[in-house]
Structure formats: structure tokens, C-alpha cells
Amino acid sequence: MHTELNKLLSALQEFYAREKFLFERDLGERALTHRLAVHMEKHFPGWEIDCDYNRLGERTLRLPRGAIVSTDDHLGKSVYPDIVVHQRAIPNNLLAIEVRKASNHQALDHDQHKLRALTDPHLWFAYGIGVLLTLGKTKITASELYVGGSIDQALSLWFADRLRDKGLGD
């Protein structure tokens, strides 16, 4: 897991170094997630990096009936992670990333519940790691990591320490 997260950290360093324009003009989360995904591509050879991707092979990525997680489509059935690192054809899911701007004052619940569901090993589409990133204008103001359907405190602390070491975190 640390190897994959170190790749994400390198991409985040490049993202903050090269995308100041986006932050200076307070562009939206979709613009930020797209550009972060672009920077991630070279760090994950052999993997596809997609934004708002709601498939697993030919199947639509849907939450189980009765899930407490709200979904992102108008029918309330499928879920769209902000960024995924996966292999489309196999299918094989490595990372699910939810991104929010620090200026977003909505509750974290939606993103947290989504990452719990996306990493739940009992679901057919489980991602190995879920990452919640809160992006400030110059650094990441908060992060949480999810494994096995719940927040992984030790991994979250490790990641936060690595962000600080790279000058990217509080």
C-alpha cells in the first residue's frame, strides 16, 4: 500500500507545483480532479486513471440496496468516484479518491460514506484503498485513508506525515 500511496504523493507534489493557476482563480473541484488525474498517469504505469468512472468491466458501479451512501446520479443508483486507479478490462480496482476543496463547507459525510462503501471487501467492486483529500490553495488541509470498508487510522497518520514531509500538509 505504501508504494501506491507514495506514487500518489509524487503526483500531488507535481500537481501543486504546476497547477497554481487553478487555485489562484478558485476553479471547481472537477477541474482540480481532472488535472490531478493527469499528473497521476505517469506514476501508475499499467493502470488507467479515470475521473467520474462508474463501471467495473461492463457492469455499472452500483451500491447495494439500502446502502446509507447517497449516490451521484439522478436515479440514485450508480456511484461516481472522483478519481480511480484501476484496470478497466480485467477489472481490477486499486485506488478510489474523493477530492474536495477546503472552501467546501458541506459535511464530509457523503465522501466518507462513499469511500467506506467503495473499499468494502464484501462488495464485488471493492477498491484496495480509498483516499479523501481536502485541497487548500497551497497544500492539503486534511486527508483520510480507507481500507476494508473503514478508515485506517494508522495509514491516515502515515499519509499525513508524508504530506507534511513533502511540504504538502498541515
N, C-alpha and C. Protein backbone atom coordinates (compact mmCIF):
# COMPACT_ATOMS: atom_id res chain seq x y z
N MET A 1 0.81 -1.20 0.00
CA MET A 1 0.00 0.00 0.00
C MET A 1 0.85 1.26 0.00
N HIS A 2 1.95 1.23 0.75
CA HIS A 2 2.79 2.42 0.82
C HIS A 2 3.37 2.79 -0.55
N THR A 3 3.67 1.79 -1.35
CA THR A 3 4.21 2.06 -2.69
C THR A 3 3.21 2.86 -3.52
N GLU A 4 1.95 2.43 -3.52
CA GLU A 4 0.92 3.13 -4.29
C GLU A 4 0.69 4.53 -3.75
N LEU A 5 0.68 4.67 -2.43
CA LEU A 5 0.46 5.98 -1.82
C LEU A 5 1.63 6.91 -2.05
N ASN A 6 2.85 6.38 -2.10
CA ASN A 6 4.00 7.23 -2.45
C ASN A 6 3.89 7.76 -3.87
N LYS A 7 3.33 6.95 -4.76
CA LYS A 7 3.09 7.42 -6.13
C LYS A 7 2.08 8.56 -6.13
N LEU A 8 1.03 8.42 -5.35
CA LEU A 8 0.03 9.49 -5.23
C LEU A 8 0.67 10.75 -4.66
N LEU A 9 1.52 10.60 -3.66
CA LEU A 9 2.21 11.75 -3.08
C LEU A 9 3.07 12.48 -4.12
N SER A 10 3.77 11.74 -4.95
CA SER A 10 4.58 12.36 -6.01
C SER A 10 3.70 13.12 -6.98
N ALA A 11 2.57 12.54 -7.34
CA ALA A 11 1.63 13.21 -8.25
C ALA A 11 1.07 14.48 -7.60
N LEU A 12 0.79 14.42 -6.31
CA LEU A 12 0.28 15.60 -5.60
C LEU A 12 1.32 16.72 -5.56
N GLN A 13 2.58 16.35 -5.39
CA GLN A 13 3.66 17.35 -5.42
C GLN A 13 3.69 18.06 -6.77
N GLU A 14 3.64 17.29 -7.84
CA GLU A 14 3.65 17.87 -9.19
C GLU A 14 2.41 18.72 -9.42
N PHE A 15 1.28 18.22 -8.98
CA PHE A 15 0.01 18.92 -9.14
C PHE A 15 0.08 20.31 -8.49
N TYR A 16 0.51 20.38 -7.25
CA TYR A 16 0.59 21.67 -6.57
C TYR A 16 1.66 22.57 -7.18
N ALA A 17 2.74 21.99 -7.66
CA ALA A 17 3.80 22.80 -8.27
C ALA A 17 3.37 23.39 -9.61
N ARG A 18 2.55 22.66 -10.37
CA ARG A 18 2.25 23.07 -11.74
C ARG A 18 0.86 23.66 -11.95
N GLU A 19 -0.03 23.53 -11.00
CA GLU A 19 -1.43 23.95 -11.22
C GLU A 19 -1.85 25.13 -10.36
N LYS A 20 -0.91 26.01 -10.05
CA LYS A 20 -1.23 27.20 -9.24
C LYS A 20 -2.34 28.04 -9.87
N PHE A 21 -2.36 28.09 -11.19
CA PHE A 21 -3.37 28.86 -11.93
C PHE A 21 -4.78 28.47 -11.48
N LEU A 22 -5.03 27.18 -11.33
CA LEU A 22 -6.36 26.70 -10.94
C LEU A 22 -6.75 27.19 -9.56
N PHE A 23 -5.81 27.17 -8.64
CA PHE A 23 -6.09 27.59 -7.27
C PHE A 23 -6.22 29.10 -7.17
N GLU A 24 -5.39 29.83 -7.91
CA GLU A 24 -5.45 31.30 -7.88
C GLU A 24 -6.79 31.81 -8.37
N ARG A 25 -7.41 31.09 -9.28
CA ARG A 25 -8.69 31.52 -9.85
C ARG A 25 -9.89 30.78 -9.24
N ASP A 26 -9.62 30.00 -8.21
CA ASP A 26 -10.66 29.30 -7.46
C ASP A 26 -11.56 28.46 -8.36
N LEU A 27 -10.93 27.68 -9.24
CA LEU A 27 -11.70 26.82 -10.13
C LEU A 27 -12.34 25.66 -9.36
N GLY A 28 -13.31 25.02 -9.97
CA GLY A 28 -14.10 23.99 -9.32
C GLY A 28 -13.39 22.67 -9.11
N GLU A 29 -14.03 21.83 -8.31
CA GLU A 29 -13.46 20.52 -7.97
C GLU A 29 -13.25 19.63 -9.19
N ARG A 30 -14.13 19.70 -10.17
CA ARG A 30 -13.95 18.84 -11.35
C ARG A 30 -12.70 19.21 -12.13
N ALA A 31 -12.42 20.50 -12.24
CA ALA A 31 -11.19 20.93 -12.92
C ALA A 31 -9.97 20.43 -12.14
N LEU A 32 -10.04 20.52 -10.82
CA LEU A 32 -8.92 20.06 -9.99
C LEU A 32 -8.73 18.54 -10.09
N THR A 33 -9.82 17.79 -10.03
CA THR A 33 -9.68 16.33 -10.10
C THR A 33 -9.14 15.90 -11.46
N HIS A 34 -9.56 16.57 -12.51
CA HIS A 34 -9.04 16.22 -13.83
C HIS A 34 -7.53 16.43 -13.89
N ARG A 35 -7.09 17.60 -13.45
CA ARG A 35 -5.66 17.89 -13.53
C ARG A 35 -4.85 16.98 -12.61
N LEU A 36 -5.38 16.66 -11.43
CA LEU A 36 -4.68 15.71 -10.56
C LEU A 36 -4.57 14.35 -11.25
N ALA A 37 -5.64 13.91 -11.89
CA ALA A 37 -5.61 12.64 -12.60
C ALA A 37 -4.55 12.64 -13.70
N VAL A 38 -4.42 13.75 -14.40
CA VAL A 38 -3.39 13.86 -15.44
C VAL A 38 -2.00 13.66 -14.83
N HIS A 39 -1.74 14.28 -13.70
CA HIS A 39 -0.43 14.15 -13.05
C HIS A 39 -0.21 12.74 -12.51
N MET A 40 -1.27 12.05 -12.17
CA MET A 40 -1.14 10.68 -11.65
C MET A 40 -0.77 9.67 -12.73
N GLU A 41 -1.15 9.94 -13.97
CA GLU A 41 -0.99 8.94 -15.03
C GLU A 41 0.42 8.39 -15.17
N LYS A 42 1.43 9.23 -15.13
CA LYS A 42 2.79 8.73 -15.34
C LYS A 42 3.32 7.95 -14.15
N HIS A 43 2.69 8.10 -12.99
CA HIS A 43 3.15 7.40 -11.78
C HIS A 43 2.54 6.01 -11.63
N PHE A 44 1.54 5.71 -12.43
CA PHE A 44 0.86 4.42 -12.33
C PHE A 44 0.87 3.69 -13.68
N PRO A 45 2.06 3.31 -14.16
CA PRO A 45 2.11 2.60 -15.45
C PRO A 45 1.36 1.27 -15.35
N GLY A 46 0.65 0.95 -16.41
CA GLY A 46 -0.13 -0.29 -16.43
C GLY A 46 -1.52 -0.14 -15.83
N TRP A 47 -1.82 1.03 -15.33
CA TRP A 47 -3.14 1.31 -14.73
C TRP A 47 -3.80 2.44 -15.51
N GLU A 48 -5.12 2.44 -15.53
CA GLU A 48 -5.87 3.57 -16.09
C GLU A 48 -6.26 4.48 -14.93
N ILE A 49 -6.24 5.78 -15.21
CA ILE A 49 -6.66 6.79 -14.25
C ILE A 49 -7.88 7.47 -14.86
N ASP A 50 -9.01 7.39 -14.20
CA ASP A 50 -10.25 7.96 -14.73
C ASP A 50 -10.94 8.82 -13.68
N CYS A 51 -11.65 9.83 -14.16
CA CYS A 51 -12.49 10.68 -13.31
C CYS A 51 -13.95 10.31 -13.54
N ASP A 52 -14.72 10.32 -12.46
CA ASP A 52 -16.16 10.06 -12.52
C ASP A 52 -16.48 8.77 -13.29
N TYR A 53 -15.73 7.73 -13.04
CA TYR A 53 -15.89 6.46 -13.75
C TYR A 53 -16.82 5.56 -12.95
N ASN A 54 -17.92 5.12 -13.56
CA ASN A 54 -18.93 4.35 -12.82
C ASN A 54 -19.12 2.93 -13.37
N ARG A 55 -18.04 2.32 -13.81
CA ARG A 55 -18.14 0.95 -14.36
C ARG A 55 -17.13 0.03 -13.68
N LEU A 56 -17.44 -1.24 -13.74
CA LEU A 56 -16.49 -2.29 -13.40
C LEU A 56 -16.66 -3.30 -14.50
N GLY A 57 -15.74 -3.29 -15.46
CA GLY A 57 -15.93 -4.08 -16.66
C GLY A 57 -17.15 -3.53 -17.38
N GLU A 58 -18.11 -4.38 -17.69
CA GLU A 58 -19.33 -3.97 -18.37
C GLU A 58 -20.43 -3.55 -17.40
N ARG A 59 -20.21 -3.79 -16.11
CA ARG A 59 -21.25 -3.53 -15.12
C ARG A 59 -21.18 -2.09 -14.61
N THR A 60 -22.35 -1.52 -14.33
CA THR A 60 -22.41 -0.20 -13.72
C THR A 60 -22.08 -0.32 -12.24
N LEU A 61 -21.28 0.58 -11.75
CA LEU A 61 -20.90 0.61 -10.35
C LEU A 61 -22.09 1.09 -9.54
N ARG A 62 -22.74 0.16 -8.85
CA ARG A 62 -23.94 0.48 -8.07
C ARG A 62 -23.75 0.05 -6.64
N LEU A 63 -24.32 0.82 -5.77
CA LEU A 63 -24.30 0.48 -4.36
C LEU A 63 -25.42 -0.50 -4.06
N PRO A 64 -25.25 -1.34 -3.04
CA PRO A 64 -26.31 -2.30 -2.70
C PRO A 64 -27.56 -1.58 -2.20
N ARG A 65 -28.71 -2.23 -2.39
CA ARG A 65 -29.97 -1.67 -1.89
C ARG A 65 -29.86 -1.41 -0.39
N GLY A 66 -30.40 -0.29 0.02
CA GLY A 66 -30.39 0.05 1.43
C GLY A 66 -29.09 0.65 1.91
N ALA A 67 -28.14 0.89 1.02
CA ALA A 67 -26.87 1.49 1.44
C ALA A 67 -27.13 2.89 1.96
N ILE A 68 -26.40 3.27 3.00
CA ILE A 68 -26.59 4.60 3.56
C ILE A 68 -25.87 5.66 2.74
N VAL A 69 -25.10 5.25 1.78
CA VAL A 69 -24.36 6.18 0.95
C VAL A 69 -25.28 6.75 -0.12
N SER A 70 -25.31 8.06 -0.22
CA SER A 70 -26.07 8.65 -1.30
C SER A 70 -25.26 8.52 -2.58
N THR A 71 -25.93 8.53 -3.70
CA THR A 71 -25.25 8.35 -4.97
C THR A 71 -25.24 9.65 -5.75
N ASP A 72 -24.59 9.63 -6.89
CA ASP A 72 -24.36 10.86 -7.63
C ASP A 72 -25.20 11.00 -8.89
N ASP A 73 -26.05 10.06 -9.18
CA ASP A 73 -26.86 10.22 -10.37
C ASP A 73 -28.30 10.55 -10.00
N HIS A 74 -29.05 11.01 -10.97
CA HIS A 74 -30.41 11.44 -10.70
C HIS A 74 -31.34 10.29 -10.34
N LEU A 75 -30.98 9.08 -10.68
CA LEU A 75 -31.80 7.92 -10.33
C LEU A 75 -31.40 7.34 -8.97
N GLY A 76 -30.28 7.82 -8.42
CA GLY A 76 -29.84 7.35 -7.12
C GLY A 76 -29.37 5.92 -7.12
N LYS A 77 -28.82 5.45 -8.22
CA LYS A 77 -28.41 4.05 -8.29
C LYS A 77 -26.91 3.86 -8.43
N SER A 78 -26.26 4.63 -9.28
CA SER A 78 -24.83 4.40 -9.51
C SER A 78 -24.01 5.42 -8.73
N VAL A 79 -22.74 5.11 -8.57
CA VAL A 79 -21.83 5.96 -7.81
C VAL A 79 -20.64 6.30 -8.70
N TYR A 80 -20.16 7.54 -8.59
CA TYR A 80 -19.08 8.03 -9.43
C TYR A 80 -17.93 8.53 -8.54
N PRO A 81 -16.91 7.73 -8.32
CA PRO A 81 -15.75 8.24 -7.57
C PRO A 81 -15.08 9.36 -8.36
N ASP A 82 -14.51 10.35 -7.65
CA ASP A 82 -13.86 11.47 -8.32
C ASP A 82 -12.72 11.00 -9.22
N ILE A 83 -11.82 10.19 -8.68
CA ILE A 83 -10.69 9.65 -9.45
C ILE A 83 -10.54 8.18 -9.06
N VAL A 84 -10.31 7.34 -10.04
CA VAL A 84 -10.00 5.94 -9.75
C VAL A 84 -8.72 5.54 -10.48
N VAL A 85 -7.99 4.65 -9.84
CA VAL A 85 -6.83 4.00 -10.44
C VAL A 85 -7.23 2.54 -10.54
N HIS A 86 -7.33 2.06 -11.79
CA HIS A 86 -7.85 0.71 -11.99
C HIS A 86 -7.38 0.16 -13.33
N GLN A 87 -7.73 -1.07 -13.58
CA GLN A 87 -7.54 -1.68 -14.89
C GLN A 87 -8.94 -2.00 -15.38
N ARG A 88 -9.34 -1.32 -16.42
CA ARG A 88 -10.74 -1.39 -16.89
C ARG A 88 -11.12 -2.79 -17.37
N ALA A 89 -10.28 -3.42 -18.15
CA ALA A 89 -10.65 -4.65 -18.85
C ALA A 89 -10.66 -5.87 -17.94
N ILE A 90 -9.91 -5.88 -16.85
CA ILE A 90 -9.75 -7.10 -16.06
C ILE A 90 -11.00 -7.47 -15.26
N PRO A 91 -11.67 -6.70 -14.54
CA PRO A 91 -11.40 -5.41 -13.89
C PRO A 91 -10.63 -5.59 -12.59
N ASN A 92 -9.87 -4.55 -12.24
CA ASN A 92 -9.02 -4.57 -11.06
C ASN A 92 -9.00 -3.15 -10.49
N ASN A 93 -9.41 -2.98 -9.24
CA ASN A 93 -9.55 -1.65 -8.64
C ASN A 93 -8.50 -1.42 -7.56
N LEU A 94 -7.67 -0.40 -7.75
CA LEU A 94 -6.58 -0.11 -6.82
C LEU A 94 -6.94 1.02 -5.86
N LEU A 95 -7.19 2.22 -6.40
CA LEU A 95 -7.46 3.40 -5.58
C LEU A 95 -8.76 4.07 -5.98
N ALA A 96 -9.51 4.51 -5.00
CA ALA A 96 -10.66 5.40 -5.22
C ALA A 96 -10.36 6.67 -4.43
N ILE A 97 -10.42 7.81 -5.11
CA ILE A 97 -10.06 9.08 -4.48
C ILE A 97 -11.24 10.03 -4.55
N GLU A 98 -11.58 10.60 -3.42
CA GLU A 98 -12.58 11.66 -3.34
C GLU A 98 -11.84 12.95 -3.01
N VAL A 99 -12.12 13.99 -3.78
CA VAL A 99 -11.45 15.27 -3.63
C VAL A 99 -12.49 16.32 -3.29
N ARG A 100 -12.13 17.18 -2.36
CA ARG A 100 -12.98 18.34 -2.05
C ARG A 100 -12.09 19.54 -1.80
N LYS A 101 -12.61 20.70 -2.10
CA LYS A 101 -11.88 21.93 -1.84
C LYS A 101 -12.06 22.30 -0.37
N ALA A 102 -11.05 22.94 0.19
CA ALA A 102 -11.13 23.38 1.58
C ALA A 102 -12.26 24.38 1.77
N SER A 103 -12.63 25.09 0.73
CA SER A 103 -13.71 26.07 0.82
C SER A 103 -15.11 25.43 0.76
N ASN A 104 -15.17 24.12 0.54
CA ASN A 104 -16.44 23.39 0.51
C ASN A 104 -16.90 23.20 1.95
N HIS A 105 -18.01 23.81 2.31
CA HIS A 105 -18.50 23.76 3.69
C HIS A 105 -19.56 22.71 3.91
N GLN A 106 -19.83 21.88 2.91
CA GLN A 106 -20.78 20.79 3.10
C GLN A 106 -20.14 19.73 3.99
N ALA A 107 -20.96 18.99 4.68
CA ALA A 107 -20.47 17.95 5.58
C ALA A 107 -19.65 16.92 4.80
N LEU A 108 -18.69 16.34 5.48
CA LEU A 108 -17.83 15.30 4.88
C LEU A 108 -18.55 13.97 4.73
N ASP A 109 -19.70 13.81 5.36
CA ASP A 109 -20.40 12.52 5.42
C ASP A 109 -20.51 11.82 4.08
N HIS A 110 -20.92 12.54 3.05
CA HIS A 110 -21.14 11.93 1.74
C HIS A 110 -19.87 11.26 1.24
N ASP A 111 -18.76 11.99 1.24
CA ASP A 111 -17.50 11.44 0.74
C ASP A 111 -17.00 10.31 1.63
N GLN A 112 -17.14 10.44 2.93
CA GLN A 112 -16.70 9.39 3.85
C GLN A 112 -17.50 8.11 3.65
N HIS A 113 -18.82 8.24 3.56
CA HIS A 113 -19.66 7.06 3.34
C HIS A 113 -19.34 6.40 2.00
N LYS A 114 -19.11 7.24 1.00
CA LYS A 114 -18.80 6.70 -0.33
C LYS A 114 -17.51 5.87 -0.28
N LEU A 115 -16.48 6.39 0.40
CA LEU A 115 -15.21 5.66 0.47
C LEU A 115 -15.33 4.40 1.32
N ARG A 116 -16.16 4.43 2.35
CA ARG A 116 -16.40 3.20 3.11
C ARG A 116 -17.01 2.13 2.20
N ALA A 117 -18.00 2.54 1.41
CA ALA A 117 -18.65 1.59 0.51
C ALA A 117 -17.71 1.13 -0.59
N LEU A 118 -16.94 2.04 -1.17
CA LEU A 118 -16.06 1.69 -2.28
C LEU A 118 -14.93 0.75 -1.87
N THR A 119 -14.57 0.76 -0.58
CA THR A 119 -13.49 -0.12 -0.12
C THR A 119 -14.01 -1.32 0.67
N ASP A 120 -15.31 -1.48 0.73
CA ASP A 120 -15.90 -2.59 1.47
C ASP A 120 -15.57 -3.91 0.77
N PRO A 121 -14.81 -4.79 1.43
CA PRO A 121 -14.40 -6.04 0.77
C PRO A 121 -15.55 -7.00 0.48
N HIS A 122 -16.71 -6.75 1.04
CA HIS A 122 -17.87 -7.61 0.80
C HIS A 122 -18.62 -7.24 -0.48
N LEU A 123 -18.23 -6.13 -1.10
CA LEU A 123 -18.88 -5.71 -2.34
C LEU A 123 -18.01 -6.12 -3.52
N TRP A 124 -18.64 -6.46 -4.62
CA TRP A 124 -17.94 -7.01 -5.78
C TRP A 124 -16.97 -6.05 -6.44
N PHE A 125 -17.08 -4.76 -6.17
CA PHE A 125 -16.22 -3.79 -6.84
C PHE A 125 -15.19 -3.15 -5.92
N ALA A 126 -14.90 -3.74 -4.78
CA ALA A 126 -14.07 -3.10 -3.76
C ALA A 126 -12.73 -2.60 -4.30
N TYR A 127 -12.40 -1.38 -3.91
CA TYR A 127 -11.10 -0.79 -4.20
C TYR A 127 -10.16 -1.12 -3.04
N GLY A 128 -8.89 -1.29 -3.33
CA GLY A 128 -7.93 -1.62 -2.29
C GLY A 128 -7.77 -0.51 -1.26
N ILE A 129 -7.74 0.73 -1.74
CA ILE A 129 -7.52 1.88 -0.86
C ILE A 129 -8.47 3.00 -1.29
N GLY A 130 -9.04 3.68 -0.32
CA GLY A 130 -9.82 4.88 -0.57
C GLY A 130 -9.09 6.07 0.05
N VAL A 131 -9.06 7.19 -0.65
CA VAL A 131 -8.36 8.37 -0.18
C VAL A 131 -9.29 9.57 -0.26
N LEU A 132 -9.43 10.27 0.85
CA LEU A 132 -10.19 11.51 0.90
C LEU A 132 -9.20 12.65 1.06
N LEU A 133 -9.19 13.57 0.10
CA LEU A 133 -8.27 14.70 0.11
C LEU A 133 -9.04 16.00 0.14
N THR A 134 -8.69 16.87 1.06
CA THR A 134 -9.25 18.22 1.10
C THR A 134 -8.14 19.16 0.64
N LEU A 135 -8.38 19.80 -0.51
CA LEU A 135 -7.35 20.62 -1.15
C LEU A 135 -7.49 22.08 -0.76
N GLY A 136 -6.45 22.61 -0.12
CA GLY A 136 -6.35 24.04 0.11
C GLY A 136 -5.63 24.67 -1.07
N LYS A 137 -5.48 25.97 -1.05
CA LYS A 137 -4.86 26.67 -2.18
C LYS A 137 -3.38 26.35 -2.33
N THR A 138 -2.69 26.04 -1.24
CA THR A 138 -1.25 25.78 -1.31
C THR A 138 -0.86 24.41 -0.78
N LYS A 139 -1.77 23.73 -0.11
CA LYS A 139 -1.46 22.41 0.44
C LYS A 139 -2.75 21.67 0.78
N ILE A 140 -2.58 20.42 1.13
CA ILE A 140 -3.72 19.58 1.51
C ILE A 140 -4.03 19.85 2.97
N THR A 141 -5.25 20.25 3.24
CA THR A 141 -5.61 20.63 4.60
C THR A 141 -6.10 19.45 5.45
N ALA A 142 -6.52 18.37 4.80
CA ALA A 142 -6.97 17.18 5.53
C ALA A 142 -6.93 15.98 4.59
N SER A 143 -6.73 14.80 5.19
CA SER A 143 -6.77 13.57 4.40
C SER A 143 -7.21 12.44 5.31
N GLU A 144 -7.85 11.45 4.70
CA GLU A 144 -8.26 10.23 5.40
C GLU A 144 -8.05 9.08 4.43
N LEU A 145 -7.63 7.93 4.95
CA LEU A 145 -7.46 6.75 4.12
C LEU A 145 -8.34 5.62 4.63
N TYR A 146 -8.94 4.91 3.67
CA TYR A 146 -9.89 3.85 3.96
C TYR A 146 -9.40 2.53 3.39
N VAL A 147 -9.50 1.49 4.19
CA VAL A 147 -9.14 0.14 3.76
C VAL A 147 -10.16 -0.80 4.39
N GLY A 148 -10.65 -1.75 3.62
CA GLY A 148 -11.56 -2.75 4.17
C GLY A 148 -12.89 -2.19 4.64
N GLY A 149 -13.32 -1.08 4.08
CA GLY A 149 -14.63 -0.53 4.42
C GLY A 149 -14.65 0.42 5.60
N SER A 150 -13.47 0.78 6.12
CA SER A 150 -13.45 1.73 7.24
C SER A 150 -12.17 2.55 7.19
N ILE A 151 -12.18 3.63 7.95
CA ILE A 151 -10.99 4.48 7.98
C ILE A 151 -9.86 3.71 8.64
N ASP A 152 -8.67 3.83 8.07
CA ASP A 152 -7.48 3.19 8.61
C ASP A 152 -6.66 4.30 9.28
N GLN A 153 -6.76 4.38 10.61
CA GLN A 153 -6.12 5.46 11.35
C GLN A 153 -4.60 5.45 11.18
N ALA A 154 -3.99 4.29 11.29
CA ALA A 154 -2.53 4.21 11.18
C ALA A 154 -2.06 4.66 9.80
N LEU A 155 -2.74 4.21 8.76
CA LEU A 155 -2.37 4.59 7.39
C LEU A 155 -2.65 6.07 7.16
N SER A 156 -3.73 6.57 7.72
CA SER A 156 -4.06 8.00 7.61
C SER A 156 -2.98 8.85 8.25
N LEU A 157 -2.50 8.45 9.43
CA LEU A 157 -1.43 9.19 10.10
C LEU A 157 -0.13 9.12 9.31
N TRP A 158 0.19 7.94 8.78
CA TRP A 158 1.38 7.80 7.95
C TRP A 158 1.31 8.74 6.74
N PHE A 159 0.17 8.76 6.08
CA PHE A 159 -0.01 9.59 4.89
C PHE A 159 0.11 11.08 5.25
N ALA A 160 -0.52 11.48 6.35
CA ALA A 160 -0.45 12.88 6.79
C ALA A 160 0.99 13.27 7.09
N ASP A 161 1.75 12.37 7.72
CA ASP A 161 3.18 12.64 7.99
C ASP A 161 3.95 12.81 6.69
N ARG A 162 3.68 11.96 5.72
CA ARG A 162 4.37 12.05 4.42
C ARG A 162 3.98 13.36 3.71
N LEU A 163 2.73 13.76 3.80
CA LEU A 163 2.31 15.04 3.22
C LEU A 163 3.11 16.19 3.85
N ARG A 164 3.23 16.18 5.18
CA ARG A 164 4.00 17.21 5.87
C ARG A 164 5.47 17.18 5.44
N ASP A 165 6.03 16.00 5.35
CA ASP A 165 7.44 15.86 4.94
C ASP A 165 7.69 16.47 3.56
N LYS A 166 6.70 16.40 2.70
CA LYS A 166 6.83 16.92 1.33
C LYS A 166 6.38 18.38 1.22
N GLY A 167 5.99 18.98 2.35
CA GLY A 167 5.53 20.38 2.35
C GLY A 167 4.12 20.53 1.79
N LEU A 168 3.37 19.45 1.80
CA LEU A 168 2.02 19.46 1.22
C LEU A 168 0.89 19.42 2.26
N GLY A 169 1.24 19.28 3.52
CA GLY A 169 0.20 19.12 4.53
C GLY A 169 0.43 19.97 5.74
N ASP A 170 -0.62 20.06 6.55
CA ASP A 170 -0.55 20.82 7.81
C ASP A 170 0.13 20.02 8.90
